N, C-alpha and C. Protein backbone atom coordinates (compact mmCIF):
# COMPACT_ATOMS: atom_id res chain seq x y z
N MET A 1 -28.74 115.03 209.28
CA MET A 1 -28.40 113.71 209.72
C MET A 1 -29.21 113.32 210.95
N LEU A 2 -29.48 114.27 211.81
CA LEU A 2 -30.19 113.95 213.04
C LEU A 2 -31.62 113.47 212.78
N VAL A 3 -32.21 113.96 211.70
CA VAL A 3 -33.59 113.58 211.37
C VAL A 3 -33.66 112.12 210.96
N PHE A 4 -32.63 111.62 210.28
CA PHE A 4 -32.65 110.26 209.77
C PHE A 4 -31.88 109.27 210.64
N MET A 5 -31.67 109.59 211.89
CA MET A 5 -31.06 108.61 212.79
C MET A 5 -32.00 107.42 212.91
N PRO A 6 -31.47 106.21 212.97
CA PRO A 6 -32.33 105.02 213.03
C PRO A 6 -33.27 105.00 214.23
N ILE A 7 -32.92 105.68 215.30
CA ILE A 7 -33.80 105.69 216.47
C ILE A 7 -35.09 106.47 216.20
N ASN A 8 -35.08 107.34 215.18
CA ASN A 8 -36.25 108.14 214.86
C ASN A 8 -37.25 107.42 213.95
N GLY A 9 -36.96 106.20 213.55
CA GLY A 9 -37.85 105.44 212.67
C GLY A 9 -39.28 105.34 213.19
N PRO A 10 -39.47 104.94 214.46
CA PRO A 10 -40.84 104.89 214.98
C PRO A 10 -41.53 106.26 215.01
N LEU A 11 -40.77 107.32 215.24
CA LEU A 11 -41.36 108.65 215.22
C LEU A 11 -41.83 109.02 213.82
N TRP A 12 -41.03 108.68 212.80
CA TRP A 12 -41.44 108.90 211.42
C TRP A 12 -42.73 108.15 211.13
N ARG A 13 -42.79 106.88 211.54
CA ARG A 13 -43.95 106.04 211.28
C ARG A 13 -45.21 106.62 211.95
N MET A 14 -45.07 107.05 213.21
CA MET A 14 -46.22 107.62 213.92
C MET A 14 -46.66 108.93 213.30
N GLY A 15 -45.70 109.77 212.95
CA GLY A 15 -46.03 111.07 212.36
C GLY A 15 -46.73 110.93 211.02
N LEU A 16 -46.24 110.04 210.18
CA LEU A 16 -46.86 109.84 208.88
C LEU A 16 -48.23 109.18 208.99
N SER A 17 -48.41 108.29 209.97
CA SER A 17 -49.73 107.68 210.14
C SER A 17 -50.74 108.70 210.64
N GLU A 18 -50.29 109.67 211.44
CA GLU A 18 -51.18 110.75 211.88
C GLU A 18 -51.61 111.64 210.72
N LEU A 19 -50.74 111.77 209.72
CA LEU A 19 -51.06 112.57 208.54
C LEU A 19 -51.89 111.78 207.52
N GLY A 20 -52.09 110.50 207.78
CA GLY A 20 -52.90 109.68 206.89
C GLY A 20 -52.12 108.85 205.90
N TYR A 21 -50.80 108.85 206.00
CA TYR A 21 -49.96 108.07 205.10
C TYR A 21 -49.58 106.76 205.79
N GLU A 22 -49.82 105.66 205.13
CA GLU A 22 -49.39 104.37 205.66
C GLU A 22 -48.16 103.92 204.91
N ILE A 23 -47.13 103.55 205.63
CA ILE A 23 -45.88 103.10 205.04
C ILE A 23 -45.97 101.59 204.84
N PRO A 24 -45.80 101.11 203.60
CA PRO A 24 -45.91 99.67 203.35
C PRO A 24 -44.63 98.90 203.68
N LEU A 25 -43.79 99.43 204.54
CA LEU A 25 -42.55 98.77 204.92
C LEU A 25 -42.70 98.14 206.30
N GLY A 26 -42.02 97.03 206.49
CA GLY A 26 -41.99 96.40 207.80
C GLY A 26 -41.02 97.13 208.72
N GLU A 27 -40.90 96.63 209.92
CA GLU A 27 -40.02 97.27 210.89
C GLU A 27 -38.55 97.20 210.45
N PHE A 28 -38.14 96.03 209.99
CA PHE A 28 -36.73 95.89 209.59
C PHE A 28 -36.43 96.72 208.34
N GLN A 29 -37.35 96.74 207.38
CA GLN A 29 -37.13 97.53 206.17
C GLN A 29 -37.08 99.02 206.50
N GLY A 30 -37.93 99.47 207.41
CA GLY A 30 -37.90 100.87 207.84
C GLY A 30 -36.61 101.22 208.54
N PHE A 31 -36.12 100.30 209.38
CA PHE A 31 -34.84 100.50 210.05
C PHE A 31 -33.71 100.57 209.04
N ALA A 32 -33.72 99.66 208.06
CA ALA A 32 -32.67 99.64 207.04
C ALA A 32 -32.70 100.92 206.21
N LEU A 33 -33.90 101.41 205.89
CA LEU A 33 -34.02 102.64 205.10
C LEU A 33 -33.47 103.84 205.86
N THR A 34 -33.83 103.98 207.15
CA THR A 34 -33.32 105.12 207.92
C THR A 34 -31.81 104.99 208.13
N LEU A 35 -31.33 103.77 208.30
CA LEU A 35 -29.88 103.57 208.44
C LEU A 35 -29.16 103.95 207.16
N LEU A 36 -29.72 103.58 206.02
CA LEU A 36 -29.12 103.93 204.73
C LEU A 36 -29.10 105.45 204.54
N LEU A 37 -30.21 106.13 204.85
CA LEU A 37 -30.26 107.58 204.72
C LEU A 37 -29.28 108.26 205.67
N PHE A 38 -29.12 107.71 206.86
CA PHE A 38 -28.18 108.25 207.84
C PHE A 38 -26.75 108.12 207.34
N VAL A 39 -26.41 106.96 206.78
CA VAL A 39 -25.05 106.73 206.29
C VAL A 39 -24.76 107.63 205.08
N ILE A 40 -25.73 107.81 204.20
CA ILE A 40 -25.55 108.71 203.06
C ILE A 40 -25.32 110.14 203.54
N GLY A 41 -26.10 110.57 204.53
CA GLY A 41 -25.93 111.91 205.09
C GLY A 41 -24.57 112.07 205.76
N ALA A 42 -24.12 111.04 206.47
CA ALA A 42 -22.81 111.11 207.12
C ALA A 42 -21.71 111.20 206.08
N ALA A 43 -21.84 110.44 204.99
CA ALA A 43 -20.83 110.51 203.93
C ALA A 43 -20.81 111.89 203.29
N MET A 44 -21.96 112.51 203.12
CA MET A 44 -22.00 113.84 202.52
C MET A 44 -21.42 114.89 203.46
N VAL A 45 -21.56 114.71 204.75
CA VAL A 45 -20.99 115.67 205.71
C VAL A 45 -19.48 115.51 205.80
N ILE A 46 -19.00 114.28 205.79
CA ILE A 46 -17.58 114.02 205.98
C ILE A 46 -16.78 114.26 204.71
N SER A 47 -17.36 113.99 203.56
CA SER A 47 -16.61 114.09 202.30
C SER A 47 -16.23 115.55 202.01
N PRO A 48 -15.11 115.73 201.31
CA PRO A 48 -14.71 117.11 200.97
C PRO A 48 -15.61 117.67 199.88
N LYS A 49 -15.68 118.98 199.84
CA LYS A 49 -16.49 119.64 198.83
C LYS A 49 -15.83 119.50 197.47
N LEU A 50 -16.61 119.15 196.48
CA LEU A 50 -16.09 119.04 195.12
C LEU A 50 -16.29 120.38 194.42
N GLN A 51 -15.27 120.83 193.73
CA GLN A 51 -15.35 122.09 193.01
C GLN A 51 -14.92 121.86 191.57
N LEU A 52 -15.54 122.59 190.67
CA LEU A 52 -15.16 122.52 189.28
C LEU A 52 -13.83 123.24 189.08
N PRO A 53 -12.98 122.68 188.23
CA PRO A 53 -11.69 123.38 187.99
C PRO A 53 -11.92 124.70 187.27
N THR A 54 -11.28 125.71 187.73
CA THR A 54 -11.42 127.03 187.11
C THR A 54 -10.07 127.43 186.51
N GLU A 55 -10.13 128.28 185.54
CA GLU A 55 -8.90 128.75 184.88
C GLU A 55 -8.33 129.96 185.54
């Protein structure tokens, strides 16, 4: 979850541009993407573990 915090968006952009990858997303779209990934990660951490029923 810490990797996808919205504050890390500019760091992701700088790191990927140093590796030669250009992200075709604007600033707001990049912020929305990192926010979405952060919320998904938070939901996965908070949600209970699902287990298959056993006999």
